């Protein structure tokens, strides 16, 4: 099963995360990496590792909002969505790929 936790690529720069005790076995494990894949000086891709798997969010058009989102489950399953903005500003996702690695 894939757990999807959608986010905009830039959100992690301003979000405050509550610390938790490392010894707490029930505490979620999350790490986030930011990447500038096209070399323009802006982080457009965010990779998040969680207990459920890994997610990759990319701002393809540079507007600060995720346009492509892929979730990889620990079981090898993956799903990719393209995120579209309607004229009224509401986003919707359309699954474009899925499978097993």
Protein backbone atom coordinates (compact mmCIF):
# COMPACT_ATOMS: atom_id res chain seq x y z
CA UNK A 1 0.00 0.00 0.00
CA UNK A 2 1.25 3.50 -0.81
CA UNK A 3 0.68 6.31 1.66
CA UNK A 4 0.52 9.66 -0.17
CA UNK A 5 1.34 12.83 1.70
CA UNK A 6 1.02 15.60 -0.91
CA UNK A 7 2.96 18.83 -0.52
CA UNK A 8 4.26 21.77 -2.50
CA UNK A 9 8.00 21.64 -3.14
CA UNK A 10 8.77 24.88 -1.31
CA UNK A 11 6.76 24.18 1.85
CA UNK A 12 9.62 22.62 3.79
CA UNK A 13 11.67 25.79 3.91
CA UNK A 14 9.19 27.57 6.20
CA UNK A 15 7.45 24.71 8.03
CA UNK A 16 8.29 24.10 11.66
CA UNK A 17 8.47 20.43 12.60
CA UNK A 18 7.90 19.30 16.17
CA UNK A 19 10.89 17.37 17.51
CA UNK A 20 10.32 13.89 18.91
CA UNK A 21 12.31 11.56 21.10
CA UNK A 22 14.64 9.34 19.06
CA UNK A 23 13.99 6.48 21.48
CA UNK A 24 10.22 6.61 20.82
CA UNK A 25 9.51 3.59 18.56
CA UNK A 26 6.09 4.98 17.60
CA UNK A 27 7.42 8.33 16.38
CA UNK A 28 7.32 8.83 12.60
CA UNK A 29 10.64 8.98 10.80
CA UNK A 30 10.79 11.69 8.14
CA UNK A 31 13.69 13.13 6.20
CA UNK A 32 13.48 15.65 3.39
CA UNK A 33 15.98 16.50 0.66
CA UNK A 34 15.67 19.45 -1.76
CA UNK A 35 17.19 19.41 -5.25
CA UNK A 36 17.84 21.95 -7.98
CA UNK A 37 17.84 19.54 -10.93
CA UNK A 38 17.92 22.16 -13.69
CA UNK A 39 20.65 24.35 -12.15
CA UNK A 40 18.60 27.57 -12.06
CA UNK A 41 19.26 28.22 -8.37
CA UNK A 42 15.76 27.20 -7.18
CA UNK A 43 14.88 23.95 -5.46
CA UNK A 44 12.12 22.48 -7.60
CA UNK A 45 12.23 18.87 -6.43
CA UNK A 46 11.58 17.57 -2.94
CA UNK A 47 12.27 13.98 -1.88
CA UNK A 48 10.70 12.85 1.37
CA UNK A 49 11.59 9.56 3.06
CA UNK A 50 9.05 8.24 5.60
CA UNK A 51 8.28 4.98 7.33
CA UNK A 52 5.73 4.29 4.55
CA UNK A 53 8.21 4.81 1.68
CA UNK A 54 9.40 7.74 -0.39
CA UNK A 55 7.69 10.60 -2.23
CA UNK A 56 9.10 12.85 -4.95
CA UNK A 57 7.39 16.17 -5.76
CA UNK A 58 8.53 18.40 -8.62
CA UNK A 59 7.53 21.94 -9.60
CA UNK A 60 7.91 21.54 -13.37
CA UNK A 61 6.85 25.06 -14.42
CA UNK A 62 8.55 27.10 -11.66
CA UNK A 63 5.40 28.56 -10.09
CA UNK A 64 6.16 27.18 -6.60
CA UNK A 65 3.48 24.47 -6.69
CA UNK A 66 3.96 20.73 -7.23
CA UNK A 67 3.10 19.66 -10.80
CA UNK A 68 4.29 16.05 -10.69
CA UNK A 69 4.11 13.75 -7.67
CA UNK A 70 5.36 10.16 -7.33
CA UNK A 71 4.95 7.91 -4.29
CA UNK A 72 7.04 4.76 -3.79
CA UNK A 73 5.85 2.26 -1.19
CA UNK A 74 8.15 0.02 0.81
CA UNK A 75 6.52 -2.93 -0.99
CA UNK A 76 7.89 -1.76 -4.38
CA UNK A 77 4.61 -0.27 -5.64
CA UNK A 78 4.69 3.22 -7.14
CA UNK A 79 2.16 5.73 -8.47
CA UNK A 80 2.70 9.00 -10.33
CA UNK A 81 0.25 11.89 -10.62
CA UNK A 82 0.27 15.08 -12.63
CA UNK A 83 -1.31 17.96 -10.75
CA UNK A 84 -3.39 20.45 -12.76
CA UNK A 85 -4.84 23.79 -11.66
CA UNK A 86 -8.36 24.58 -12.75
CA UNK A 87 -9.28 28.14 -13.78
CA UNK A 88 -10.75 28.66 -10.29
CA UNK A 89 -7.40 27.74 -8.67
CA UNK A 90 -8.43 24.35 -7.36
CA UNK A 91 -5.91 21.61 -8.04
CA UNK A 92 -6.71 18.11 -9.21
CA UNK A 93 -4.45 15.15 -9.71
CA UNK A 94 -4.54 12.65 -12.54
CA UNK A 95 -2.68 9.38 -12.10
CA UNK A 96 -0.37 8.97 -15.10
CA UNK A 97 1.62 5.86 -14.16
CA UNK A 98 1.71 3.04 -11.64
CA UNK A 99 3.41 -0.28 -11.22
CA UNK A 100 5.89 -2.29 -9.24
CA UNK A 101 9.65 -1.95 -9.15
